[in-house]
């Protein structure tokens, strides 16, 4: 049954025809580079020590709100990744404990 798609059905067929680098690939590579750059920039500010007696000044100017939002989203993603890792480790150890109990 012929397909109307412009790309090969399998990876083997694609390797036989040769690799085609398109504009979508360039857009994805650029997006990944921008995300890594944002991670480096926003993550660099998280290494600052927090002093309870002298907290950092927080500005409510509109120009800082996207920055604060990006830092908050980064912290949430780090917490999500840590929770996912913890859940995976506990699920694996629980499965192994069940197998040993049998």
N, C-alpha and C. Protein backbone atom coordinates (compact mmCIF):
# COMPACT_ATOMS: atom_id res chain seq x y z
N UNK A 1 0.85 -1.18 0.00
CA UNK A 1 0.00 0.00 0.00
C UNK A 1 0.89 1.24 0.00
N UNK A 2 0.83 2.07 -1.02
CA UNK A 2 1.70 3.24 -1.09
C UNK A 2 1.26 4.30 -0.07
N UNK A 3 2.25 5.00 0.42
CA UNK A 3 1.97 6.07 1.37
C UNK A 3 2.08 7.42 0.68
N UNK A 4 1.44 8.39 1.26
CA UNK A 4 1.52 9.75 0.72
C UNK A 4 2.55 10.58 1.47
N UNK A 5 3.23 9.93 2.43
CA UNK A 5 4.23 10.67 3.20
C UNK A 5 5.49 10.87 2.37
N UNK A 6 6.18 11.96 2.64
CA UNK A 6 7.40 12.26 1.90
C UNK A 6 8.65 11.75 2.56
N UNK A 7 8.52 10.92 3.59
CA UNK A 7 9.69 10.40 4.26
C UNK A 7 9.59 8.88 4.34
N UNK A 8 10.71 8.19 4.55
CA UNK A 8 10.71 6.72 4.55
C UNK A 8 9.90 6.15 5.70
N UNK A 9 9.45 4.91 5.50
CA UNK A 9 8.66 4.21 6.51
C UNK A 9 9.50 3.81 7.71
N UNK A 10 10.71 3.34 7.48
CA UNK A 10 11.55 2.84 8.56
C UNK A 10 12.87 3.58 8.59
N UNK A 11 13.58 3.41 9.71
CA UNK A 11 14.88 4.05 9.85
C UNK A 11 15.88 3.45 8.87
N UNK A 12 15.75 2.14 8.60
CA UNK A 12 16.66 1.50 7.64
C UNK A 12 16.54 2.11 6.25
N UNK A 13 15.30 2.37 5.83
CA UNK A 13 15.09 3.01 4.52
C UNK A 13 15.67 4.42 4.51
N UNK A 14 15.53 5.12 5.63
CA UNK A 14 16.07 6.47 5.70
C UNK A 14 17.59 6.45 5.62
N UNK A 15 18.22 5.47 6.28
CA UNK A 15 19.68 5.37 6.20
C UNK A 15 20.15 5.03 4.79
N UNK A 16 19.38 4.22 4.09
CA UNK A 16 19.73 3.89 2.71
C UNK A 16 19.64 5.11 1.80
N UNK A 17 18.64 5.95 2.03
CA UNK A 17 18.45 7.14 1.19
C UNK A 17 19.38 8.28 1.58
N UNK A 18 19.92 8.23 2.77
CA UNK A 18 20.79 9.31 3.25
C UNK A 18 20.02 10.24 4.17
N UNK A 19 20.75 10.88 5.05
CA UNK A 19 20.14 11.77 6.03
C UNK A 19 19.74 13.08 5.37
N UNK A 20 18.51 13.49 5.66
CA UNK A 20 18.03 14.78 5.15
C UNK A 20 17.86 15.72 6.33
N UNK A 21 18.57 16.82 6.30
CA UNK A 21 18.50 17.83 7.35
C UNK A 21 17.60 18.95 6.86
N UNK A 22 16.47 19.15 7.52
CA UNK A 22 15.51 20.15 7.08
C UNK A 22 15.43 21.34 8.01
N UNK A 23 14.53 22.24 7.69
CA UNK A 23 14.38 23.45 8.49
C UNK A 23 13.77 23.13 9.85
N UNK A 24 13.00 22.07 9.94
CA UNK A 24 12.42 21.69 11.23
C UNK A 24 13.52 21.26 12.19
N UNK A 25 14.51 20.53 11.66
CA UNK A 25 15.64 20.12 12.49
C UNK A 25 16.40 21.34 13.02
N UNK A 26 16.59 22.33 12.18
CA UNK A 26 17.29 23.55 12.60
C UNK A 26 16.50 24.28 13.69
N UNK A 27 15.19 24.34 13.55
CA UNK A 27 14.35 25.00 14.56
C UNK A 27 14.44 24.27 15.89
N UNK A 28 14.41 22.94 15.85
CA UNK A 28 14.48 22.16 17.09
C UNK A 28 15.84 22.33 17.75
N UNK A 29 16.91 22.31 16.97
CA UNK A 29 18.25 22.50 17.53
C UNK A 29 18.37 23.88 18.16
N UNK A 30 17.84 24.91 17.51
CA UNK A 30 17.87 26.26 18.07
C UNK A 30 17.06 26.34 19.36
N UNK A 31 15.89 25.70 19.39
CA UNK A 31 15.05 25.72 20.59
C UNK A 31 15.76 25.03 21.76
N UNK A 32 16.43 23.92 21.50
CA UNK A 32 17.16 23.23 22.56
C UNK A 32 18.32 24.10 23.04
N UNK A 33 19.01 24.76 22.14
CA UNK A 33 20.10 25.65 22.54
C UNK A 33 19.59 26.80 23.40
N UNK A 34 18.46 27.38 23.04
CA UNK A 34 17.89 28.47 23.82
C UNK A 34 17.47 27.98 25.20
N UNK A 35 16.88 26.80 25.28
CA UNK A 35 16.49 26.25 26.58
C UNK A 35 17.70 25.97 27.46
N UNK A 36 18.77 25.44 26.87
CA UNK A 36 19.98 25.20 27.65
C UNK A 36 20.60 26.51 28.12
N UNK A 37 20.58 27.52 27.27
CA UNK A 37 21.10 28.83 27.65
C UNK A 37 20.28 29.42 28.80
N UNK A 38 18.94 29.33 28.70
CA UNK A 38 18.09 29.82 29.79
C UNK A 38 18.35 29.07 31.08
N UNK A 39 18.54 27.78 30.99
CA UNK A 39 18.83 26.99 32.17
C UNK A 39 20.14 27.45 32.82
N UNK A 40 21.14 27.72 32.01
CA UNK A 40 22.42 28.17 32.55
C UNK A 40 22.31 29.56 33.17
N UNK A 41 21.59 30.46 32.52
CA UNK A 41 21.47 31.83 33.04
C UNK A 41 20.63 31.85 34.32
N UNK A 42 19.48 31.20 34.28
CA UNK A 42 18.60 31.24 35.44
C UNK A 42 19.13 30.37 36.58
N UNK A 43 19.79 29.29 36.25
CA UNK A 43 20.35 28.43 37.29
C UNK A 43 21.56 29.04 37.96
N UNK A 44 22.25 29.92 37.28
CA UNK A 44 23.41 30.58 37.88
C UNK A 44 23.04 31.46 39.05
N UNK A 45 21.87 32.05 39.01
CA UNK A 45 21.44 32.92 40.10
C UNK A 45 20.95 32.14 41.31
N UNK A 46 20.73 30.86 41.17
CA UNK A 46 20.24 30.07 42.30
C UNK A 46 21.36 29.63 43.23
N UNK A 47 22.59 29.88 42.87
CA UNK A 47 23.72 29.49 43.71
C UNK A 47 24.01 30.52 44.79
N UNK A 48 23.30 31.62 44.80
CA UNK A 48 23.54 32.68 45.77
C UNK A 48 23.07 32.21 47.14
N UNK A 49 23.88 32.44 48.17
CA UNK A 49 23.50 32.04 49.52
C UNK A 49 22.36 32.92 50.01
N UNK A 50 21.42 32.29 50.70
CA UNK A 50 20.28 33.02 51.25
C UNK A 50 20.57 33.32 52.71
N UNK A 51 20.51 34.60 53.06
CA UNK A 51 20.74 35.04 54.43
C UNK A 51 19.41 35.50 55.01
N UNK A 52 18.95 34.86 56.06
CA UNK A 52 17.65 35.19 56.64
C UNK A 52 17.64 36.59 57.25
N UNK A 53 18.78 37.04 57.74
CA UNK A 53 18.83 38.35 58.36
C UNK A 53 18.85 39.48 57.34
N UNK A 54 19.42 39.21 56.18
CA UNK A 54 19.50 40.21 55.12
C UNK A 54 18.95 39.62 53.83
N UNK A 55 17.63 39.50 53.69
CA UNK A 55 17.07 38.90 52.46
C UNK A 55 17.31 39.81 51.26
N UNK A 56 17.37 39.22 50.07
CA UNK A 56 17.59 40.04 48.87
C UNK A 56 16.36 40.91 48.59
N UNK A 57 16.61 42.04 48.00
CA UNK A 57 15.52 42.96 47.67
C UNK A 57 14.71 42.40 46.50
N UNK A 58 13.41 42.52 46.60
CA UNK A 58 12.52 42.07 45.53
C UNK A 58 11.85 43.29 44.94
N UNK A 59 11.93 43.42 43.64
CA UNK A 59 11.33 44.56 42.96
C UNK A 59 10.05 44.12 42.27
N UNK A 60 9.03 44.95 42.33
CA UNK A 60 7.76 44.66 41.67
C UNK A 60 7.63 45.39 40.34
N UNK A 61 8.74 45.88 39.82
CA UNK A 61 8.72 46.51 38.50
C UNK A 61 8.33 45.47 37.45
N UNK A 62 7.62 45.94 36.42
CA UNK A 62 7.16 45.02 35.37
C UNK A 62 8.30 44.37 34.61
N UNK A 63 9.46 45.00 34.57
CA UNK A 63 10.57 44.42 33.81
C UNK A 63 11.17 43.19 34.49
N UNK A 64 10.96 43.01 35.79
CA UNK A 64 11.51 41.86 36.51
C UNK A 64 10.54 40.68 36.59
N UNK A 65 9.28 40.89 36.31
CA UNK A 65 8.29 39.83 36.47
C UNK A 65 8.56 38.63 35.55
N UNK A 66 8.93 38.80 34.27
CA UNK A 66 9.26 37.60 33.47
C UNK A 66 10.46 36.84 34.03
N UNK A 67 11.43 37.55 34.58
CA UNK A 67 12.60 36.90 35.17
C UNK A 67 12.19 36.07 36.39
N UNK A 68 11.38 36.66 37.26
CA UNK A 68 10.91 35.94 38.45
C UNK A 68 10.05 34.74 38.04
N UNK A 69 9.25 34.90 37.02
CA UNK A 69 8.40 33.80 36.54
C UNK A 69 9.26 32.66 36.00
N UNK A 70 10.28 33.00 35.24
CA UNK A 70 11.16 31.97 34.68
C UNK A 70 11.90 31.22 35.78
N UNK A 71 12.34 31.94 36.81
CA UNK A 71 13.01 31.27 37.94
C UNK A 71 12.05 30.36 38.68
N UNK A 72 10.81 30.81 38.85
CA UNK A 72 9.82 29.98 39.53
C UNK A 72 9.53 28.72 38.74
N UNK A 73 9.37 28.85 37.43
CA UNK A 73 9.11 27.68 36.58
C UNK A 73 10.30 26.73 36.62
N UNK A 74 11.52 27.25 36.62
CA UNK A 74 12.70 26.41 36.70
C UNK A 74 12.72 25.64 38.01
N UNK A 75 12.40 26.30 39.12
CA UNK A 75 12.35 25.61 40.41
C UNK A 75 11.28 24.53 40.41
N UNK A 76 10.13 24.81 39.80
CA UNK A 76 9.07 23.81 39.74
C UNK A 76 9.49 22.61 38.90
N UNK A 77 10.18 22.84 37.79
CA UNK A 77 10.64 21.74 36.95
C UNK A 77 11.70 20.91 37.68
N UNK A 78 12.58 21.56 38.43
CA UNK A 78 13.57 20.82 39.21
C UNK A 78 12.89 19.98 40.29
N UNK A 79 11.87 20.54 40.94
CA UNK A 79 11.13 19.77 41.95
C UNK A 79 10.39 18.61 41.31
N UNK A 80 9.82 18.82 40.14
CA UNK A 80 9.13 17.74 39.43
C UNK A 80 10.10 16.63 39.05
N UNK A 81 11.28 17.01 38.57
CA UNK A 81 12.28 16.00 38.19
C UNK A 81 12.74 15.22 39.42
N UNK A 82 12.93 15.91 40.55
CA UNK A 82 13.34 15.21 41.77
C UNK A 82 12.25 14.26 42.24
N UNK A 83 10.99 14.68 42.17
CA UNK A 83 9.88 13.82 42.58
C UNK A 83 9.76 12.61 41.65
N UNK A 84 9.95 12.82 40.37
CA UNK A 84 9.90 11.72 39.41
C UNK A 84 11.02 10.72 39.66
N UNK A 85 12.22 11.22 39.94
CA UNK A 85 13.35 10.35 40.25
C UNK A 85 13.09 9.56 41.54
N UNK A 86 12.60 10.23 42.56
CA UNK A 86 12.30 9.56 43.82
C UNK A 86 11.23 8.50 43.63
N UNK A 87 10.21 8.82 42.88
CA UNK A 87 9.13 7.86 42.63
C UNK A 87 9.65 6.65 41.85
N UNK A 88 10.50 6.87 40.89
CA UNK A 88 11.06 5.77 40.12
C UNK A 88 11.93 4.87 41.00
N UNK A 89 12.72 5.48 41.87
CA UNK A 89 13.58 4.70 42.76
C UNK A 89 12.75 3.89 43.75
N UNK A 90 11.72 4.50 44.33
CA UNK A 90 10.90 3.76 45.30
C UNK A 90 10.11 2.65 44.60
N UNK A 91 9.63 2.90 43.40
CA UNK A 91 8.89 1.87 42.68
C UNK A 91 9.80 0.69 42.33
N UNK A 92 11.03 0.99 41.93
CA UNK A 92 11.97 -0.08 41.59
C UNK A 92 12.33 -0.89 42.83
N UNK A 93 12.60 -0.21 43.94
CA UNK A 93 12.96 -0.95 45.15
C UNK A 93 11.77 -1.74 45.68
N UNK A 94 10.58 -1.22 45.54
CA UNK A 94 9.39 -1.95 45.98
C UNK A 94 9.17 -3.21 45.13
N UNK A 95 9.39 -3.08 43.83
CA UNK A 95 9.23 -4.23 42.95
C UNK A 95 10.27 -5.30 43.28
N UNK A 96 11.50 -4.87 43.53
CA UNK A 96 12.54 -5.84 43.88
C UNK A 96 12.26 -6.49 45.22
N UNK A 97 11.72 -5.74 46.17
CA UNK A 97 11.38 -6.32 47.47
C UNK A 97 10.26 -7.35 47.33
N UNK A 98 9.31 -7.09 46.48
CA UNK A 98 8.23 -8.06 46.25
C UNK A 98 8.77 -9.34 45.62
N UNK A 99 9.71 -9.19 44.68
CA UNK A 99 10.29 -10.36 44.05
C UNK A 99 11.10 -11.19 45.04
N UNK A 100 11.79 -10.53 45.98
CA UNK A 100 12.55 -11.25 46.98
C UNK A 100 11.65 -11.93 48.01
N UNK A 101 10.47 -11.35 48.25
CA UNK A 101 9.54 -11.93 49.23
C UNK A 101 8.90 -13.22 48.72
N UNK A 102 8.89 -13.42 47.43
CA UNK A 102 8.25 -14.63 46.87
C UNK A 102 9.05 -15.85 47.09
